[in-house]
């Protein structure tokens, strides 16, 4: 993991610009960065905003990114994949502390606690950089106040790609704000598909086969108590929806809370 030291805060000069304060590279495909937060920005943990850079033609190159930091954080954190020929990420991956990014401060999204009916267990189901909105929700006291148990299933190809999520999970019990709330409520299920690890296999397979329930010694999905949030590739989202609906859960939204929600705005 290659971490670039934080920089002193600079004053943004471009419209909607914010200053990068730190950058951490986890693999040759994954990195995270933090930037200043507009004083006027208010968001619910789990929402996303449009961020980007100026293109060669002077026009903004923007993409939807989940805010990985919780709503109370003084800075904003983002977790990104690197796409060599991607219009935005091919350039974004080279940012340094002190650089500026464009941030459109209009947060939206379906992965918010308000879009779910009250329940006892909350499942966070993610692949790749889909862990980002859950990085926000896991650090929000409201998550732990609303649920008796939180189960995080995160699947990547290789162990190294789990590093961002693993570091976050490991730090939660010692977090001065929510550590006591977390207690023994958290269950973490990191899995890989291309190399051996603590757990292997796709999220959908481990749910459908019942392996995750056996591994964690917990009861199967029950629509009376279980709520779920889903964030990953389009194929993953569609597969998970079927698994959840086969278990009796129904999809919700901000306007009509139900038993599970899926982020449809982007894929990793």
Protein backbone atom coordinates (compact mmCIF):
# COMPACT_ATOMS: atom_id res chain seq x y z
CA UNK A 1 0.00 0.00 0.00
CA UNK A 2 1.49 3.30 -1.11
CA UNK A 3 0.26 6.24 0.93
CA UNK A 4 0.91 9.84 -0.06
CA UNK A 5 1.15 12.18 2.90
CA UNK A 6 -1.63 14.68 3.57
CA UNK A 7 -1.11 18.17 2.25
CA UNK A 8 -1.89 21.52 3.78
CA UNK A 9 -5.36 22.70 2.80
CA UNK A 10 -5.44 25.01 -0.19
CA UNK A 11 -8.14 27.41 -1.27
CA UNK A 12 -10.12 26.13 -4.26
CA UNK A 13 -9.95 28.40 -7.30
CA UNK A 14 -12.11 26.57 -9.84
CA UNK A 15 -15.93 26.48 -9.70
CA UNK A 16 -17.10 23.55 -7.53
CA UNK A 17 -13.43 22.65 -6.89
CA UNK A 18 -12.12 20.93 -3.76
CA UNK A 19 -8.52 20.27 -2.74
CA UNK A 20 -7.10 16.75 -2.43
CA UNK A 21 -5.62 16.24 1.05
CA UNK A 22 -4.33 12.64 0.87
CA UNK A 23 -4.08 9.72 -1.55
CA UNK A 24 -3.57 6.00 -0.81
CA UNK A 25 -2.89 3.40 -3.52
CA UNK A 26 -3.87 -0.13 -2.50
CA UNK A 27 -3.14 -2.06 -5.71
CA UNK A 28 -2.42 -1.22 -9.33
CA UNK A 29 -6.21 -1.11 -9.78
CA UNK A 30 -7.51 0.50 -6.57
CA UNK A 31 -6.92 3.73 -4.69
CA UNK A 32 -8.62 6.06 -2.22
CA UNK A 33 -8.33 9.77 -1.63
CA UNK A 34 -9.62 12.46 0.65
CA UNK A 35 -10.46 16.06 -0.16
CA UNK A 36 -11.86 19.17 1.45
CA UNK A 37 -15.60 19.34 2.06
CA UNK A 38 -17.74 22.33 1.08
CA UNK A 39 -19.16 23.99 4.18
CA UNK A 40 -22.61 23.90 2.58
CA UNK A 41 -22.57 20.16 1.73
CA UNK A 42 -25.03 18.06 3.70
CA UNK A 43 -25.56 14.40 2.84
CA UNK A 44 -26.87 11.16 4.28
CA UNK A 45 -24.33 8.40 4.79
CA UNK A 46 -24.48 6.11 1.74
CA UNK A 47 -25.24 8.80 -0.85
CA UNK A 48 -23.12 9.72 -3.86
CA UNK A 49 -22.05 12.89 -5.67
CA UNK A 50 -20.58 13.70 -9.07
CA UNK A 51 -16.83 14.31 -9.02
CA UNK A 52 -14.21 14.70 -11.72
CA UNK A 53 -11.54 16.73 -13.45
CA UNK A 54 -11.33 19.20 -16.29
CA UNK A 55 -10.83 17.52 -19.66
CA UNK A 56 -8.38 18.66 -22.31
CA UNK A 57 -11.20 20.60 -23.94
CA UNK A 58 -11.83 22.52 -20.73
CA UNK A 59 -15.10 20.73 -20.06
CA UNK A 60 -15.64 18.70 -16.85
CA UNK A 61 -15.22 14.91 -16.92
CA UNK A 62 -17.62 13.77 -14.21
CA UNK A 63 -18.68 10.43 -12.75
CA UNK A 64 -20.89 9.33 -9.86
CA UNK A 65 -18.89 8.34 -6.77
CA UNK A 66 -20.23 7.15 -3.44
CA UNK A 67 -18.99 9.22 -0.53
CA UNK A 68 -17.01 6.74 1.57
CA UNK A 69 -16.71 9.04 4.59
CA UNK A 70 -19.60 9.33 7.07
CA UNK A 71 -21.90 12.35 7.12
CA UNK A 72 -20.15 13.81 10.19
CA UNK A 73 -16.63 13.81 8.68
CA UNK A 74 -15.03 17.21 8.06
CA UNK A 75 -13.46 15.89 4.84
CA UNK A 76 -14.76 13.71 2.01
CA UNK A 77 -13.33 10.30 1.15
CA UNK A 78 -13.68 8.39 -2.13
CA UNK A 79 -12.61 4.88 -3.18
CA UNK A 80 -11.94 4.27 -6.85
CA UNK A 81 -10.93 1.72 -9.43
CA UNK A 82 -8.22 2.59 -11.96
CA UNK A 83 -9.21 2.07 -15.58
CA UNK A 84 -6.16 2.53 -17.88
CA UNK A 85 -8.22 3.86 -20.79
CA UNK A 86 -11.07 5.31 -18.75
CA UNK A 87 -11.88 8.93 -19.64
CA UNK A 88 -11.80 9.97 -15.98
CA UNK A 89 -10.04 7.33 -13.89
CA UNK A 90 -7.04 7.16 -16.22
CA UNK A 91 -6.36 10.72 -15.05
CA UNK A 92 -7.87 10.68 -11.58
CA UNK A 93 -5.50 7.93 -10.43
CA UNK A 94 -2.58 10.34 -10.76
CA UNK A 95 -3.89 13.04 -8.43
CA UNK A 96 -1.62 14.25 -5.61
CA UNK A 97 -2.27 16.13 -2.36
CA UNK A 98 -2.78 19.77 -3.23
CA UNK A 99 -4.44 19.03 -6.58
CA UNK A 100 -8.01 20.06 -7.19
CA UNK A 101 -11.01 18.00 -8.25
CA UNK A 102 -14.47 19.10 -9.30
CA UNK A 103 -17.29 18.19 -6.93
CA UNK A 104 -20.93 18.85 -7.68
CA UNK A 105 -22.50 19.13 -4.20
CA UNK A 106 -25.87 17.52 -4.95
CA UNK A 107 -25.89 14.21 -3.06
CA UNK A 108 -28.42 11.52 -4.01
CA UNK A 109 -28.74 7.75 -3.83
CA UNK A 110 -30.77 4.80 -2.60
CA UNK A 111 -28.28 3.23 -0.17
CA UNK A 112 -29.58 5.17 2.83
CA UNK A 113 -31.09 3.90 6.05
CA UNK A 114 -34.30 5.84 5.42
CA UNK A 115 -35.06 3.65 2.38
CA UNK A 116 -35.38 0.54 4.56
CA UNK A 117 -38.17 -0.54 6.89
CA UNK A 118 -37.16 -1.19 10.51
CA UNK A 119 -35.42 -4.54 11.01
CA UNK A 120 -32.96 -6.40 13.21
CA UNK A 121 -30.20 -7.51 10.81
CA UNK A 122 -28.63 -5.33 8.12
CA UNK A 123 -26.75 -7.00 5.26
CA UNK A 124 -24.23 -4.95 3.28
CA UNK A 125 -23.51 -6.83 0.05
CA UNK A 126 -20.71 -5.54 -2.17
CA UNK A 127 -18.18 -6.38 -4.85
CA UNK A 128 -15.05 -4.35 -5.64
CA UNK A 129 -15.37 -0.63 -5.02
CA UNK A 130 -19.03 -1.21 -4.10
CA UNK A 131 -17.78 -1.24 -0.50
CA UNK A 132 -17.51 2.58 -0.63
CA UNK A 133 -21.05 3.55 0.48
CA UNK A 134 -20.83 0.98 3.26
CA UNK A 135 -17.58 2.57 4.43
CA UNK A 136 -19.75 5.62 5.08
CA UNK A 137 -22.65 3.78 6.70
CA UNK A 138 -20.41 1.63 8.92
CA UNK A 139 -18.98 4.79 10.50
CA UNK A 140 -22.39 6.34 11.12
CA UNK A 141 -23.77 5.91 14.66
CA UNK A 142 -27.32 5.63 13.31
CA UNK A 143 -26.50 2.30 11.64
CA UNK A 144 -25.55 0.72 14.95
CA UNK A 145 -28.42 2.30 16.82
CA UNK A 146 -30.99 0.91 14.36
CA UNK A 147 -29.72 -2.66 13.99
CA UNK A 148 -28.88 -5.49 16.36
CA UNK A 149 -26.47 -7.04 13.85
CA UNK A 150 -24.65 -5.80 10.75
CA UNK A 151 -23.24 -8.34 8.28
CA UNK A 152 -20.76 -7.17 5.65
CA UNK A 153 -20.19 -9.48 2.67
CA UNK A 154 -17.48 -8.12 0.36
CA UNK A 155 -16.09 -10.13 -2.53
CA UNK A 156 -13.08 -9.29 -4.70
CA UNK A 157 -10.88 -11.25 -7.06
CA UNK A 158 -7.76 -11.26 -4.88
CA UNK A 159 -6.83 -10.74 -1.23
CA UNK A 160 -5.02 -7.46 -1.94
CA UNK A 161 -8.25 -5.97 -3.26
CA UNK A 162 -9.92 -6.48 0.13
CA UNK A 163 -7.36 -4.25 1.92
CA UNK A 164 -9.43 -1.05 1.98
CA UNK A 165 -12.49 -2.75 3.45
CA UNK A 166 -10.50 -4.92 5.84
CA UNK A 167 -8.65 -1.92 7.29
CA UNK A 168 -11.94 -0.11 7.78
CA UNK A 169 -13.57 -3.07 9.52
CA UNK A 170 -10.59 -3.64 11.82
CA UNK A 171 -10.64 -0.02 12.95
CA UNK A 172 -14.35 0.14 13.85
CA UNK A 173 -14.16 -1.33 17.40
CA UNK A 174 -11.57 1.28 18.36
CA UNK A 175 -13.37 4.20 16.75
CA UNK A 176 -13.89 6.84 19.48
CA UNK A 177 -17.33 7.77 18.14
CA UNK A 178 -18.93 4.39 17.41
CA UNK A 179 -16.63 1.75 18.93
CA UNK A 180 -18.89 1.09 21.90
CA UNK A 181 -21.95 0.96 19.66
CA UNK A 182 -20.35 -1.63 17.37
CA UNK A 183 -19.54 -4.03 20.21
CA UNK A 184 -20.22 -7.58 19.01
CA UNK A 185 -22.84 -6.54 16.42
CA UNK A 186 -20.51 -6.74 13.41
CA UNK A 187 -19.94 -9.85 11.28
CA UNK A 188 -17.47 -9.58 8.38
CA UNK A 189 -17.35 -12.00 5.45
CA UNK A 190 -14.51 -11.09 3.05
CA UNK A 191 -14.27 -13.50 0.13
CA UNK A 192 -12.15 -13.92 -2.99
CA UNK A 193 -12.89 -15.57 -6.32
CA UNK A 194 -9.44 -16.01 -7.89
CA UNK A 195 -7.27 -17.05 -4.96
CA UNK A 196 -7.68 -18.78 -1.63
CA UNK A 197 -8.48 -16.78 1.47
CA UNK A 198 -10.50 -16.91 4.67
CA UNK A 199 -13.60 -17.36 2.50
CA UNK A 200 -13.96 -18.00 -1.22
CA UNK A 201 -16.75 -17.70 -3.74
CA UNK A 202 -19.23 -15.15 -5.00
CA UNK A 203 -21.64 -13.39 -2.65
CA UNK A 204 -24.62 -14.77 -4.55
CA UNK A 205 -23.32 -18.35 -4.39
CA UNK A 206 -22.51 -18.17 -0.68
CA UNK A 207 -25.98 -16.81 0.06
CA UNK A 208 -27.86 -19.19 -2.22
CA UNK A 209 -26.01 -22.27 -0.98
CA UNK A 210 -26.40 -21.26 2.65
CA UNK A 211 -22.63 -21.38 3.15
CA UNK A 212 -22.48 -17.92 4.72
CA UNK A 213 -25.11 -18.87 7.31
CA UNK A 214 -23.13 -21.98 8.20
CA UNK A 215 -19.78 -20.17 8.28
CA UNK A 216 -21.07 -17.38 10.52
CA UNK A 217 -23.40 -19.62 12.55
CA UNK A 218 -26.45 -17.44 11.90
CA UNK A 219 -30.03 -18.04 10.77
CA UNK A 220 -30.99 -17.86 7.06
CA UNK A 221 -32.56 -14.78 5.52
CA UNK A 222 -35.91 -13.87 7.00
CA UNK A 223 -37.95 -10.97 5.57
CA UNK A 224 -39.36 -10.28 9.01
CA UNK A 225 -35.99 -9.23 10.42
CA UNK A 226 -33.49 -8.90 7.55
CA UNK A 227 -32.74 -5.76 5.57
CA UNK A 228 -30.14 -5.52 2.82
CA UNK A 229 -28.16 -3.00 0.79
CA UNK A 230 -26.51 -3.94 -2.51
CA UNK A 231 -23.71 -2.23 -4.43
CA UNK A 232 -21.56 -3.72 -7.18
CA UNK A 233 -21.51 -4.51 -10.88
CA UNK A 234 -24.75 -4.58 -12.85
CA UNK A 235 -24.62 -8.37 -13.15
CA UNK A 236 -23.99 -8.70 -9.41
CA UNK A 237 -26.87 -6.39 -8.56
CA UNK A 238 -29.28 -8.36 -10.74
CA UNK A 239 -28.15 -11.71 -9.33
CA UNK A 240 -28.43 -10.50 -5.74
CA UNK A 241 -31.90 -9.08 -6.33
CA UNK A 242 -33.08 -12.54 -7.36
CA UNK A 243 -31.51 -14.16 -4.28
CA UNK A 244 -33.10 -11.62 -1.96
CA UNK A 245 -36.51 -11.80 -3.60
CA UNK A 246 -36.43 -15.60 -3.58
CA UNK A 247 -35.93 -15.25 0.19
CA UNK A 248 -39.05 -13.07 0.40
CA UNK A 249 -37.52 -9.59 0.57
CA UNK A 250 -38.96 -6.73 -1.49
CA UNK A 251 -37.10 -3.79 -3.00
CA UNK A 252 -37.45 -0.35 -1.48
CA UNK A 253 -36.62 3.25 -2.34
CA UNK A 254 -36.48 6.66 -0.71
CA UNK A 255 -40.12 7.20 -1.57
CA UNK A 256 -41.25 3.70 -0.57
CA UNK A 257 -39.08 2.01 2.10
CA UNK A 258 -38.99 -1.78 2.02
CA UNK A 259 -36.62 -4.65 2.85
CA UNK A 260 -33.68 -4.12 0.48
CA UNK A 261 -32.20 -1.41 -1.74
CA UNK A 262 -29.81 -1.44 -4.70
CA UNK A 263 -27.60 1.38 -5.95
CA UNK A 264 -28.42 1.75 -9.65
CA UNK A 265 -26.48 4.92 -10.41
CA UNK A 266 -23.19 3.28 -11.34
CA UNK A 267 -21.27 0.04 -11.47
CA UNK A 268 -17.64 -0.78 -10.66
